[in-house]
Amino acid sequence: MAISPKVIQLIDQKLAPLIRTGCRIDQIKMVCAAGTELVQQGSVETGFGKLRVEPSNFVPQGKSYLIEDRYRGFTWVRNSKDKQSEDERS
């Protein structure tokens, strides 16, 4: 199955600051809940190149994060529903 363009756009948006600070796409991975479509694919093609996708039993469904292998860069990837909930709480 193809990944939604909105998902790719969200990933690109979250990758941009990491790339700007010197992280290389080949040293960044996205960690997602085990068993998701992205994990089954093993990678996703972004505007910055191919991004590795790895499973975690500790990441809840619908959440993921980007992390650089040397732990210099980190960011959560959230869907717009999560952001809206956070905004409502503030």
PDB file of N, CA and C in Angstrom:
ATOM      1  N   MET A   1       0.832  -1.198   0.000  1.00  0.00           N
ATOM      2  CA  MET A   1       0.000   0.000   0.000  1.00  0.00           C
ATOM      3  C   MET A   1       0.869   1.251   0.000  1.00  0.00           C
ATOM      4  N   ALA A   2       0.379   2.282  -0.643  1.00  0.00           N
ATOM      5  CA  ALA A   2       1.103   3.556  -0.692  1.00  0.00           C
ATOM      6  C   ALA A   2       0.832   4.357   0.587  1.00  0.00           C
ATOM      7  N   ILE A   3       1.852   5.042   1.038  1.00  0.00           N
ATOM      8  CA  ILE A   3       1.723   5.897   2.210  1.00  0.00           C
ATOM      9  C   ILE A   3       1.070   7.209   1.767  1.00  0.00           C
ATOM     10  N   SER A   4       0.159   7.707   2.560  1.00  0.00           N
ATOM     11  CA  SER A   4      -0.566   8.941   2.258  1.00  0.00           C
ATOM     12  C   SER A   4       0.400  10.112   2.065  1.00  0.00           C
ATOM     13  N   PRO A   5       0.149  10.952   1.074  1.00  0.00           N
ATOM     14  CA  PRO A   5       0.981  12.142   0.884  1.00  0.00           C
ATOM     15  C   PRO A   5       0.993  13.048   2.123  1.00  0.00           C
ATOM     16  N   LYS A   6      -0.109  13.065   2.882  1.00  0.00           N
ATOM     17  CA  LYS A   6      -0.156  13.872   4.108  1.00  0.00           C
ATOM     18  C   LYS A   6       0.829  13.341   5.149  1.00  0.00           C
ATOM     19  N   VAL A   7       0.964  12.021   5.217  1.00  0.00           N
ATOM     20  CA  VAL A   7       1.913  11.411   6.156  1.00  0.00           C
ATOM     21  C   VAL A   7       3.337  11.769   5.732  1.00  0.00           C
ATOM     22  N   ILE A   8       3.626  11.661   4.438  1.00  0.00           N
ATOM     23  CA  ILE A   8       4.957  12.022   3.927  1.00  0.00           C
ATOM     24  C   ILE A   8       5.246  13.489   4.217  1.00  0.00           C
ATOM     25  N   GLN A   9       4.260  14.344   4.018  1.00  0.00           N
ATOM     26  CA  GLN A   9       4.430  15.776   4.285  1.00  0.00           C
ATOM     27  C   GLN A   9       4.743  16.013   5.766  1.00  0.00           C
ATOM     28  N   LEU A  10       4.060  15.327   6.659  1.00  0.00           N
ATOM     29  CA  LEU A  10       4.305  15.462   8.095  1.00  0.00           C
ATOM     30  C   LEU A  10       5.712  14.986   8.448  1.00  0.00           C
ATOM     31  N   ILE A  11       6.118  13.857   7.883  1.00  0.00           N
ATOM     32  CA  ILE A  11       7.463  13.338   8.138  1.00  0.00           C
ATOM     33  C   ILE A  11       8.509  14.332   7.630  1.00  0.00           C
ATOM     34  N   ASP A  12       8.312  14.851   6.404  1.00  0.00           N
ATOM     35  CA  ASP A  12       9.249  15.846   5.845  1.00  0.00           C
ATOM     36  C   ASP A  12       9.340  17.082   6.735  1.00  0.00           C
ATOM     37  N   GLN A  13       8.198  17.526   7.229  1.00  0.00           N
ATOM     38  CA  GLN A  13       8.149  18.703   8.100  1.00  0.00           C
ATOM     39  C   GLN A  13       8.970  18.475   9.368  1.00  0.00           C
ATOM     40  N   LYS A  14       8.892  17.273   9.930  1.00  0.00           N
ATOM     41  CA  LYS A  14       9.617  16.949  11.154  1.00  0.00           C
ATOM     42  C   LYS A  14      11.095  16.658  10.878  1.00  0.00           C
ATOM     43  N   LEU A  15      11.394  16.156   9.682  1.00  0.00           N
ATOM     44  CA  LEU A  15      12.777  15.887   9.315  1.00  0.00           C
ATOM     45  C   LEU A  15      13.573  17.164   9.060  1.00  0.00           C
ATOM     46  N   ALA A  16      12.923  18.171   8.510  1.00  0.00           N
ATOM     47  CA  ALA A  16      13.609  19.396   8.072  1.00  0.00           C
ATOM     48  C   ALA A  16      14.526  19.993   9.140  1.00  0.00           C
ATOM     49  N   PRO A  17      14.070  20.208  10.383  1.00  0.00           N
ATOM     50  CA  PRO A  17      14.975  20.793  11.378  1.00  0.00           C
ATOM     51  C   PRO A  17      16.183  19.902  11.691  1.00  0.00           C
ATOM     52  N   LEU A  18      15.992  18.587  11.669  1.00  0.00           N
ATOM     53  CA  LEU A  18      17.107  17.679  11.920  1.00  0.00           C
ATOM     54  C   LEU A  18      18.146  17.782  10.802  1.00  0.00           C
ATOM     55  N   ILE A  19      17.671  17.807   9.570  1.00  0.00           N
ATOM     56  CA  ILE A  19      18.567  17.918   8.413  1.00  0.00           C
ATOM     57  C   ILE A  19      19.300  19.261   8.452  1.00  0.00           C
ATOM     58  N   ARG A  20      18.573  20.331   8.778  1.00  0.00           N
ATOM     59  CA  ARG A  20      19.188  21.671   8.846  1.00  0.00           C
ATOM     60  C   ARG A  20      20.281  21.752   9.912  1.00  0.00           C
ATOM     61  N   THR A  21      20.158  20.966  10.984  1.00  0.00           N
ATOM     62  CA  THR A  21      21.165  21.022  12.046  1.00  0.00           C
ATOM     63  C   THR A  21      22.330  20.068  11.794  1.00  0.00           C
ATOM     64  N   GLY A  22      22.359  19.449  10.614  1.00  0.00           N
ATOM     65  CA  GLY A  22      23.513  18.645  10.242  1.00  0.00           C
ATOM     66  C   GLY A  22      23.321  17.138  10.289  1.00  0.00           C
ATOM     67  N   CYS A  23      22.152  16.665  10.681  1.00  0.00           N
ATOM     68  CA  CYS A  23      21.901  15.222  10.665  1.00  0.00           C
ATOM     69  C   CYS A  23      21.746  14.772   9.210  1.00  0.00           C
ATOM     70  N   ARG A  24      22.230  13.592   8.903  1.00  0.00           N
ATOM     71  CA  ARG A  24      22.105  13.045   7.546  1.00  0.00           C
ATOM     72  C   ARG A  24      20.984  12.016   7.526  1.00  0.00           C
ATOM     73  N   ILE A  25      20.213  12.004   6.431  1.00  0.00           N
ATOM     74  CA  ILE A  25      19.054  11.121   6.320  1.00  0.00           C
ATOM     75  C   ILE A  25      19.442   9.655   6.516  1.00  0.00           C
ATOM     76  N   ASP A  26      20.647   9.264   6.085  1.00  0.00           N
ATOM     77  CA  ASP A  26      21.053   7.874   6.223  1.00  0.00           C
ATOM     78  C   ASP A  26      21.420   7.508   7.660  1.00  0.00           C
ATOM     79  N   GLN A  27      21.449   8.508   8.545  1.00  0.00           N
ATOM     80  CA  GLN A  27      21.742   8.250   9.953  1.00  0.00           C
ATOM     81  C   GLN A  27      20.535   8.512  10.853  1.00  0.00           C
ATOM     82  N   ILE A  28      19.376   8.729  10.240  1.00  0.00           N
ATOM     83  CA  ILE A  28      18.140   8.978  10.982  1.00  0.00           C
ATOM     84  C   ILE A  28      17.202   7.800  10.754  1.00  0.00           C
ATOM     85  N   LYS A  29      16.476   7.428  11.791  1.00  0.00           N
ATOM     86  CA  LYS A  29      15.455   6.396  11.642  1.00  0.00           C
ATOM     87  C   LYS A  29      14.165   6.886  12.280  1.00  0.00           C
ATOM     88  N   MET A  30      13.055   6.345  11.802  1.00  0.00           N
ATOM     89  CA  MET A  30      11.768   6.626  12.404  1.00  0.00           C
ATOM     90  C   MET A  30      11.353   5.373  13.161  1.00  0.00           C
ATOM     91  N   VAL A  31      11.020   5.539  14.426  1.00  0.00           N
ATOM     92  CA  VAL A  31      10.608   4.422  15.265  1.00  0.00           C
ATOM     93  C   VAL A  31       9.088   4.502  15.432  1.00  0.00           C
ATOM     94  N   CYS A  32       8.414   3.409  15.075  1.00  0.00           N
ATOM     95  CA  CYS A  32       6.945   3.353  15.104  1.00  0.00           C
ATOM     96  C   CYS A  32       6.500   2.143  15.907  1.00  0.00           C
ATOM     97  N   ALA A  33       5.217   2.123  16.227  1.00  0.00           N
ATOM     98  CA  ALA A  33       4.632   0.963  16.903  1.00  0.00           C
ATOM     99  C   ALA A  33       4.821  -0.280  16.043  1.00  0.00           C
ATOM    100  N   ALA A  34       5.174  -1.381  16.685  1.00  0.00           N
ATOM    101  CA  ALA A  34       5.352  -2.652  15.973  1.00  0.00           C
ATOM    102  C   ALA A  34       4.057  -3.033  15.253  1.00  0.00           C
ATOM    103  N   GLY A  35       4.199  -3.603  14.060  1.00  0.00           N
ATOM    104  CA  GLY A  35       3.048  -4.097  13.313  1.00  0.00           C
ATOM    105  C   GLY A  35       2.371  -3.082  12.416  1.00  0.00           C
ATOM    106  N   THR A  36       2.855  -1.850  12.381  1.00  0.00           N
ATOM    107  CA  THR A  36       2.227  -0.842  11.524  1.00  0.00           C
ATOM    108  C   THR A  36       2.665  -1.021  10.071  1.00  0.00           C
ATOM    109  N   GLU A  37       1.933  -0.405   9.175  1.00  0.00           N
ATOM    110  CA  GLU A  37       2.229  -0.495   7.746  1.00  0.00           C
ATOM    111  C   GLU A  37       3.636   0.034   7.441  1.00  0.00           C
ATOM    112  N   LEU A  38       4.013   1.141   8.073  1.00  0.00           N
ATOM    113  CA  LEU A  38       5.345   1.705   7.832  1.00  0.00           C
ATOM    114  C   LEU A  38       6.439   0.735   8.265  1.00  0.00           C
ATOM    115  N   VAL A  39       6.258   0.096   9.397  1.00  0.00           N
ATOM    116  CA  VAL A  39       7.253  -0.865   9.883  1.00  0.00           C
ATOM    117  C   VAL A  39       7.359  -2.042   8.919  1.00  0.00           C
ATOM    118  N   GLN A  40       6.240  -2.506   8.406  1.00  0.00           N
ATOM    119  CA  GLN A  40       6.248  -3.623   7.467  1.00  0.00           C
ATOM    120  C   GLN A  40       7.001  -3.263   6.195  1.00  0.00           C
ATOM    121  N   GLN A  41       6.913  -1.996   5.778  1.00  0.00           N
ATOM    122  CA  GLN A  41       7.634  -1.552   4.584  1.00  0.00           C
ATOM    123  C   GLN A  41       9.138  -1.449   4.852  1.00  0.00           C
ATOM    124  N   GLY A  42       9.516  -1.098   6.067  1.00  0.00           N
ATOM    125  CA  GLY A  42      10.928  -1.010   6.417  1.00  0.00           C
ATOM    126  C   GLY A  42      11.594   0.315   6.105  1.00  0.00           C
ATOM    127  N   SER A  43      10.967   1.098   5.235  1.00  0.00           N
ATOM    128  CA  SER A  43      11.491   2.428   4.904  1.00  0.00           C
ATOM    129  C   SER A  43      10.389   3.235   4.229  1.00  0.00           C
ATOM    130  N   VAL A  44      10.621   4.525   4.159  1.00  0.00           N
ATOM    131  CA  VAL A  44       9.678   5.418   3.481  1.00  0.00           C
ATOM    132  C   VAL A  44      10.501   6.451   2.714  1.00  0.00           C
ATOM    133  N   GLU A  45      10.061   6.749   1.497  1.00  0.00           N
ATOM    134  CA  GLU A  45      10.753   7.728   0.661  1.00  0.00           C
ATOM    135  C   GLU A  45      10.245   9.121   1.024  1.00  0.00           C
ATOM    136  N   THR A  46      11.156   9.975   1.477  1.00  0.00           N
ATOM    137  CA  THR A  46      10.804  11.337   1.873  1.00  0.00           C
ATOM    138  C   THR A  46      11.417  12.326   0.887  1.00  0.00           C
ATOM    139  N   GLY A  47      11.152  13.595   1.103  1.00  0.00           N
ATOM    140  CA  GLY A  47      11.757  14.637   0.279  1.00  0.00           C
ATOM    141  C   GLY A  47      13.258  14.749   0.484  1.00  0.00           C
ATOM    142  N   PHE A  48      13.774  14.117   1.542  1.00  0.00           N
ATOM    143  CA  PHE A  48      15.198  14.156   1.850  1.00  0.00           C
ATOM    144  C   PHE A  48      15.904  12.854   1.487  1.00  0.00           C
ATOM    145  N   GLY A  49      15.163  11.865   1.011  1.00  0.00           N
ATOM    146  CA  GLY A  49      15.714  10.559   0.678  1.00  0.00           C
ATOM    147  C   GLY A  49      15.014   9.459   1.450  1.00  0.00           C
ATOM    148  N   LYS A  50      15.578   8.266   1.374  1.00  0.00           N
ATOM    149  CA  LYS A  50      14.965   7.099   2.014  1.00  0.00           C
ATOM    150  C   LYS A  50      15.226   7.132   3.520  1.00  0.00           C
ATOM    151  N   LEU A  51      14.148   6.983   4.304  1.00  0.00           N
ATOM    152  CA  LEU A  51      14.202   6.996   5.764  1.00  0.00           C
ATOM    153  C   LEU A  51      13.912   5.586   6.277  1.00  0.00           C
ATOM    154  N   ARG A  52      14.808   5.056   7.099  1.00  0.00           N
ATOM    155  CA  ARG A  52      14.594   3.744   7.717  1.00  0.00           C
ATOM    156  C   ARG A  52      13.449   3.819   8.715  1.00  0.00           C
ATOM    157  N   VAL A  53      12.701   2.745   8.808  1.00  0.00           N
ATOM    158  CA  VAL A  53      11.609   2.647   9.781  1.00  0.00           C
ATOM    159  C   VAL A  53      11.849   1.392  10.609  1.00  0.00           C
ATOM    160  N   GLU A  54      11.845   1.546  11.938  1.00  0.00           N
ATOM    161  CA  GLU A  54      12.081   0.416  12.832  1.00  0.00           C
ATOM    162  C   GLU A  54      10.940   0.303  13.845  1.00  0.00           C
ATOM    163  N   PRO A  55      10.635  -0.931  14.259  1.00  0.00           N
ATOM    164  CA  PRO A  55       9.536  -1.148  15.210  1.00  0.00           C
ATOM    165  C   PRO A  55       9.952  -0.952  16.661  1.00  0.00           C
ATOM    166  N   SER A  56       8.970  -0.632  17.487  1.00  0.00           N
ATOM    167  CA  SER A  56       9.168  -0.586  18.933  1.00  0.00           C
ATOM    168  C   SER A  56       7.894  -1.059  19.611  1.00  0.00           C
ATOM    169  N   ASN A  57       8.060  -1.884  20.616  1.00  0.00           N
ATOM    170  CA  ASN A  57       6.908  -2.327  21.407  1.00  0.00           C
ATOM    171  C   ASN A  57       6.519  -1.284  22.442  1.00  0.00           C
ATOM    172  N   PHE A  58       7.299  -0.221  22.571  1.00  0.00           N
ATOM    173  CA  PHE A  58       7.059   0.800  23.587  1.00  0.00           C
ATOM    174  C   PHE A  58       6.434   2.074  23.029  1.00  0.00           C
ATOM    175  N   VAL A  59       6.277   2.157  21.715  1.00  0.00           N
ATOM    176  CA  VAL A  59       5.661   3.324  21.086  1.00  0.00           C
ATOM    177  C   VAL A  59       4.203   2.982  20.820  1.00  0.00           C
ATOM    178  N   PRO A  60       3.264   3.823  21.320  1.00  0.00           N
ATOM    179  CA  PRO A  60       1.832   3.532  21.100  1.00  0.00           C
ATOM    180  C   PRO A  60       1.441   3.675  19.629  1.00  0.00           C
ATOM    181  N   GLN A  61       0.406   2.955  19.227  1.00  0.00           N
ATOM    182  CA  GLN A  61      -0.126   3.068  17.862  1.00  0.00           C
ATOM    183  C   GLN A  61      -0.433   4.534  17.565  1.00  0.00           C
ATOM    184  N   GLY A  62      -0.132   4.981  16.357  1.00  0.00           N
ATOM    185  CA  GLY A  62      -0.438   6.345  15.939  1.00  0.00           C
ATOM    186  C   GLY A  62       0.643   7.349  16.300  1.00  0.00           C
ATOM    187  N   LYS A  63       1.692   6.915  16.988  1.00  0.00           N
ATOM    188  CA  LYS A  63       2.796   7.804  17.352  1.00  0.00           C
ATOM    189  C   LYS A  63       4.078   7.242  16.756  1.00  0.00           C
ATOM    190  N   SER A  64       5.032   8.110  16.546  1.00  0.00           N
ATOM    191  CA  SER A  64       6.353   7.689  16.103  1.00  0.00           C
ATOM    192  C   SER A  64       7.317   8.818  16.406  1.00  0.00           C
ATOM    193  N   TYR A  65       8.593   8.504  16.332  1.00  0.00           N
ATOM    194  CA  TYR A  65       9.589   9.554  16.508  1.00  0.00           C
ATOM    195  C   TYR A  65      10.758   9.323  15.587  1.00  0.00           C
ATOM    196  N   LEU A  66      11.463  10.415  15.306  1.00  0.00           N
ATOM    197  CA  LEU A  66      12.663  10.380  14.493  1.00  0.00           C
ATOM    198  C   LEU A  66      13.850  10.536  15.423  1.00  0.00           C
ATOM    199  N   ILE A  67      14.869   9.738  15.203  1.00  0.00           N
ATOM    200  CA  ILE A  67      16.062   9.850  16.028  1.00  0.00           C
ATOM    201  C   ILE A  67      17.291   9.564  15.168  1.00  0.00           C
ATOM    202  N   GLU A  68      18.331  10.338  15.423  1.00  0.00           N
ATOM    203  CA  GLU A  68      19.583  10.132  14.707  1.00  0.00           C
ATOM    204  C   GLU A  68      20.376   9.050  15.411  1.00  0.00           C
ATOM    205  N   ASP A  69      21.086   8.229  14.664  1.00  0.00           N
ATOM    206  CA  ASP A  69      21.834   7.112  15.236  1.00  0.00           C
ATOM    207  C   ASP A  69      22.773   7.538  16.355  1.00  0.00           C
ATOM    208  N   ARG A  70      23.357   8.728  16.229  1.00  0.00           N
ATOM    209  CA  ARG A  70      24.291   9.183  17.263  1.00  0.00           C
ATOM    210  C   ARG A  70      23.577   9.987  18.346  1.00  0.00           C
ATOM    211  N   TYR A  71      22.247   9.977  18.327  1.00  0.00           N
ATOM    212  CA  TYR A  71      21.406  10.625  19.346  1.00  0.00           C
ATOM    213  C   TYR A  71      21.602  12.139  19.425  1.00  0.00           C
ATOM    214  N   ARG A  72      22.028  12.738  18.322  1.00  0.00           N
ATOM    215  CA  ARG A  72      22.128  14.205  18.306  1.00  0.00           C
ATOM    216  C   ARG A  72      20.770  14.833  18.013  1.00  0.00           C
ATOM    217  N   GLY A  73      19.989  14.191  17.177  1.00  0.00           N
ATOM    218  CA  GLY A  73      18.702  14.765  16.785  1.00  0.00           C
ATOM    219  C   GLY A  73      17.551  13.877  17.204  1.00  0.00           C
ATOM    220  N   PHE A  74      16.436  14.498  17.620  1.00  0.00           N
ATOM    221  CA  PHE A  74      15.248  13.768  18.050  1.00  0.00           C
ATOM    222  C   PHE A  74      14.033  14.654  17.850  1.00  0.00           C
ATOM    223  N   THR A  75      12.947  14.088  17.385  1.00  0.00           N
ATOM    224  CA  THR A  75      11.681  14.803  17.330  1.00  0.00           C
ATOM    225  C   THR A  75      10.530  13.804  17.257  1.00  0.00           C
ATOM    226  N   TRP A  76       9.414  14.129  17.898  1.00  0.00           N
ATOM    227  CA  TRP A  76       8.201  13.326  17.799  1.00  0.00           C
ATOM    228  C   TRP A  76       7.518  13.648  16.486  1.00  0.00           C
ATOM    229  N   VAL A  77       6.883  12.654  15.899  1.00  0.00           N
ATOM    230  CA  VAL A  77       6.025  12.850  14.732  1.00  0.00           C
ATOM    231  C   VAL A  77       4.621  12.620  15.241  1.00  0.00           C
ATOM    232  N   ARG A  78       3.763  13.625  15.137  1.00  0.00           N
ATOM    233  CA  ARG A  78       2.400  13.507  15.663  1.00  0.00           C
ATOM    234  C   ARG A  78       1.410  13.839  14.565  1.00  0.00           C
ATOM    235  N   ASN A  79       0.240  13.260  14.672  1.00  0.00           N
ATOM    236  CA  ASN A  79      -0.783  13.617  13.699  1.00  0.00           C
ATOM    237  C   ASN A  79      -1.497  14.883  14.165  1.00  0.00           C
ATOM    238  N   SER A  80      -2.266  15.489  13.290  1.00  0.00           N
ATOM    239  CA  SER A  80      -2.897  16.777  13.603  1.00  0.00           C
ATOM    240  C   SER A  80      -3.884  16.666  14.756  1.00  0.00           C
ATOM    241  N   LYS A  81      -4.486  15.493  14.961  1.00  0.00           N
ATOM    242  CA  LYS A  81      -5.400  15.300  16.088  1.00  0.00           C
ATOM    243  C   LYS A  81      -4.658  15.475  17.406  1.00  0.00           C
ATOM    244  N   ASP A  82      -3.443  14.913  17.493  1.00  0.00           N
ATOM    245  CA  ASP A  82      -2.644  15.040  18.709  1.00  0.00           C
ATOM    246  C   ASP A  82      -2.325  16.500  18.993  1.00  0.00           C
ATOM    247  N   LYS A  83      -1.964  17.252  17.959  1.00  0.00           N
ATOM    248  CA  LYS A  83      -1.618  18.657  18.145  1.00  0.00           C
ATOM    249  C   LYS A  83      -2.832  19.437  18.641  1.00  0.00           C
ATOM    250  N   GLN A  84      -3.987  19.132  18.062  1.00  0.00           N
ATOM    251  CA  GLN A  84      -5.209  19.825  18.462  1.00  0.00           C
ATOM    252  C   GLN A  84      -5.502  19.537  19.941  1.00  0.00           C
ATOM    253  N   SER A  85      -5.353  18.291  20.372  1.00  0.00           N
ATOM    254  CA  SER A  85      -5.595  17.943  21.773  1.00  0.00           C
ATOM    255  C   SER A  85      -4.641  18.699  22.687  1.00  0.00           C
ATOM    256  N   GLU A  86      -3.374  18.806  22.271  1.00  0.00           N
ATOM    257  CA  GLU A  86      -2.394  19.533  23.077  1.00  0.00           C
ATOM    258  C   GLU A  86      -2.782  21.004  23.175  1.00  0.00           C
ATOM    259  N   ASP A  87      -3.189  21.589  22.046  1.00  0.00           N
ATOM    260  CA  ASP A  87      -3.591  22.999  22.038  1.00  0.00           C
ATOM    261  C   ASP A  87      -4.768  23.234  22.950  1.00  0.00           C
ATOM    262  N   GLU A  88      -5.696  22.285  22.972  1.00  0.00           N
ATOM    263  CA  GLU A  88      -6.878  22.443  23.822  1.00  0.00           C
ATOM    264  C   GLU A  88      -6.510  22.376  25.295  1.00  0.00           C
ATOM    265  N   ARG A  89      -5.437  21.640  25.647  1.00  0.00           N
ATOM    266  CA  ARG A  89      -5.033  21.509  27.027  1.00  0.00           C
ATOM    267  C   ARG A  89      -4.292  22.742  27.530  1.00  0.00           C
ATOM    268  N   SER A  90      -3.695  23.529  26.609  1.00  0.00           N
ATOM    269  CA  SER A  90      -2.913  24.673  27.085  1.00  0.00           C
ATOM    270  C   SER A  90      -3.768  25.867  27.427  1.00  0.00           C
TER     271      SER A  90
END
